[in-house]
Amino acid sequence: MNRKLYRLCLVMVIMAAVVSGVLYYRVLKKKAAAPQEGIFVWEELSGSGCV
């Protein structure tokens, strides 16, 4: 395999990884946007309580 073909394949693999990562992130973000079952607890942190 010559250098140009090797570089082309490498660039295509990198582009496919980036595109699939972005799509996966968007699908995961949409699922996380819906409220999940459970209790939301808010804890105030004061200066003396933080160690």
N, C-alpha and C. Protein backbone atom coordinates (compact mmCIF):
# COMPACT_ATOMS: atom_id res chain seq x y z
N MET A 1 0.85 -1.17 0.00
CA MET A 1 0.00 0.00 0.00
C MET A 1 0.90 1.24 0.00
N ASN A 2 0.65 2.14 -0.92
CA ASN A 2 1.49 3.33 -0.96
C ASN A 2 1.10 4.33 0.12
N ARG A 3 1.91 5.35 0.27
CA ARG A 3 1.73 6.31 1.36
C ARG A 3 0.42 7.09 1.28
N LYS A 4 0.04 7.51 0.09
CA LYS A 4 -1.19 8.29 -0.08
C LYS A 4 -2.42 7.48 0.33
N LEU A 5 -2.46 6.24 -0.08
CA LEU A 5 -3.60 5.38 0.26
C LEU A 5 -3.63 5.11 1.76
N TYR A 6 -2.47 4.90 2.35
CA TYR A 6 -2.39 4.68 3.79
C TYR A 6 -2.88 5.90 4.55
N ARG A 7 -2.44 7.09 4.15
CA ARG A 7 -2.87 8.32 4.80
C ARG A 7 -4.37 8.55 4.62
N LEU A 8 -4.88 8.27 3.44
CA LEU A 8 -6.30 8.42 3.18
C LEU A 8 -7.12 7.50 4.09
N CYS A 9 -6.70 6.26 4.21
CA CYS A 9 -7.40 5.32 5.09
C CYS A 9 -7.33 5.78 6.55
N LEU A 10 -6.18 6.26 6.97
CA LEU A 10 -6.01 6.73 8.34
C LEU A 10 -6.90 7.94 8.62
N VAL A 11 -6.98 8.88 7.69
CA VAL A 11 -7.83 10.05 7.85
C VAL A 11 -9.30 9.64 7.90
N MET A 12 -9.69 8.69 7.07
CA MET A 12 -11.08 8.23 7.06
C MET A 12 -11.44 7.55 8.38
N VAL A 13 -10.54 6.77 8.92
CA VAL A 13 -10.79 6.10 10.21
C VAL A 13 -10.93 7.14 11.33
N ILE A 14 -10.07 8.14 11.32
CA ILE A 14 -10.14 9.19 12.34
C ILE A 14 -11.44 9.98 12.21
N MET A 15 -11.83 10.32 10.99
CA MET A 15 -13.07 11.05 10.77
C MET A 15 -14.28 10.23 11.20
N ALA A 16 -14.26 8.94 10.92
CA ALA A 16 -15.37 8.07 11.33
C ALA A 16 -15.45 7.98 12.85
N ALA A 17 -14.31 7.93 13.52
CA ALA A 17 -14.30 7.89 14.98
C ALA A 17 -14.86 9.18 15.57
N VAL A 18 -14.49 10.32 15.00
CA VAL A 18 -14.98 11.60 15.50
C VAL A 18 -16.49 11.72 15.28
N VAL A 19 -16.95 11.38 14.10
CA VAL A 19 -18.38 11.48 13.80
C VAL A 19 -19.19 10.54 14.68
N SER A 20 -18.72 9.31 14.84
CA SER A 20 -19.46 8.37 15.68
C SER A 20 -19.44 8.81 17.15
N GLY A 21 -18.35 9.41 17.60
CA GLY A 21 -18.28 9.92 18.96
C GLY A 21 -19.25 11.06 19.19
N VAL A 22 -19.36 11.97 18.22
CA VAL A 22 -20.30 13.09 18.34
C VAL A 22 -21.73 12.58 18.34
N LEU A 23 -22.05 11.66 17.46
CA LEU A 23 -23.41 11.11 17.42
C LEU A 23 -23.74 10.35 18.70
N TYR A 24 -22.81 9.59 19.21
CA TYR A 24 -23.02 8.86 20.46
C TYR A 24 -23.25 9.82 21.61
N TYR A 25 -22.48 10.90 21.67
CA TYR A 25 -22.63 11.90 22.72
C TYR A 25 -24.00 12.57 22.64
N ARG A 26 -24.46 12.89 21.43
CA ARG A 26 -25.76 13.55 21.27
C ARG A 26 -26.88 12.62 21.69
N VAL A 27 -26.80 11.33 21.36
CA VAL A 27 -27.83 10.38 21.76
C VAL A 27 -27.82 10.21 23.27
N LEU A 28 -26.64 10.12 23.86
CA LEU A 28 -26.51 9.97 25.30
C LEU A 28 -27.02 11.22 26.01
N LYS A 29 -26.76 12.39 25.47
CA LYS A 29 -27.19 13.65 26.07
C LYS A 29 -28.72 13.75 26.04
N LYS A 30 -29.35 13.29 24.96
CA LYS A 30 -30.81 13.33 24.87
C LYS A 30 -31.44 12.43 25.92
N LYS A 31 -30.86 11.26 26.15
CA LYS A 31 -31.41 10.34 27.16
C LYS A 31 -31.24 10.91 28.56
N ALA A 32 -30.14 11.60 28.82
CA ALA A 32 -29.89 12.15 30.14
C ALA A 32 -30.74 13.39 30.41
N ALA A 33 -31.27 14.03 29.38
CA ALA A 33 -32.06 15.24 29.56
C ALA A 33 -33.41 14.95 30.21
N ALA A 34 -33.95 13.76 29.98
CA ALA A 34 -35.23 13.39 30.58
C ALA A 34 -35.04 13.15 32.07
N PRO A 35 -35.97 13.65 32.90
CA PRO A 35 -35.83 13.43 34.34
C PRO A 35 -35.88 11.95 34.69
N GLN A 36 -35.00 11.57 35.57
CA GLN A 36 -34.94 10.16 35.97
C GLN A 36 -35.65 10.00 37.30
N GLU A 37 -36.09 8.80 37.56
CA GLU A 37 -36.80 8.51 38.80
C GLU A 37 -35.82 8.56 39.96
N GLY A 38 -36.21 9.23 41.02
CA GLY A 38 -35.36 9.34 42.19
C GLY A 38 -35.63 10.62 42.94
N ILE A 39 -34.84 10.89 43.93
CA ILE A 39 -35.00 12.06 44.76
C ILE A 39 -33.79 12.96 44.58
N PHE A 40 -34.06 14.23 44.34
CA PHE A 40 -32.99 15.21 44.19
C PHE A 40 -32.70 15.81 45.56
N VAL A 41 -31.49 15.72 45.99
CA VAL A 41 -31.10 16.24 47.31
C VAL A 41 -30.09 17.35 47.10
N TRP A 42 -30.36 18.51 47.69
CA TRP A 42 -29.46 19.64 47.61
C TRP A 42 -28.75 19.77 48.95
N GLU A 43 -27.45 19.75 48.94
CA GLU A 43 -26.67 19.85 50.19
C GLU A 43 -25.87 21.13 50.15
N GLU A 44 -26.13 22.00 51.09
CA GLU A 44 -25.37 23.23 51.22
C GLU A 44 -24.04 22.92 51.88
N LEU A 45 -22.96 23.38 51.30
CA LEU A 45 -21.65 23.15 51.87
C LEU A 45 -21.17 24.44 52.52
N SER A 46 -20.84 24.35 53.78
CA SER A 46 -20.30 25.52 54.47
C SER A 46 -18.79 25.38 54.57
N GLY A 47 -18.12 26.45 54.94
CA GLY A 47 -16.66 26.44 55.01
C GLY A 47 -16.13 25.46 56.05
N SER A 48 -16.82 25.31 57.17
CA SER A 48 -16.32 24.43 58.23
C SER A 48 -16.59 22.96 57.93
N GLY A 49 -17.62 22.69 57.10
CA GLY A 49 -17.97 21.29 56.80
C GLY A 49 -17.12 20.67 55.69
N CYS A 50 -16.45 21.49 54.91
CA CYS A 50 -15.64 20.98 53.81
C CYS A 50 -14.23 20.67 54.30
N VAL A 51 -13.79 19.48 54.06
CA VAL A 51 -12.43 19.10 54.46
C VAL A 51 -11.70 18.61 53.24
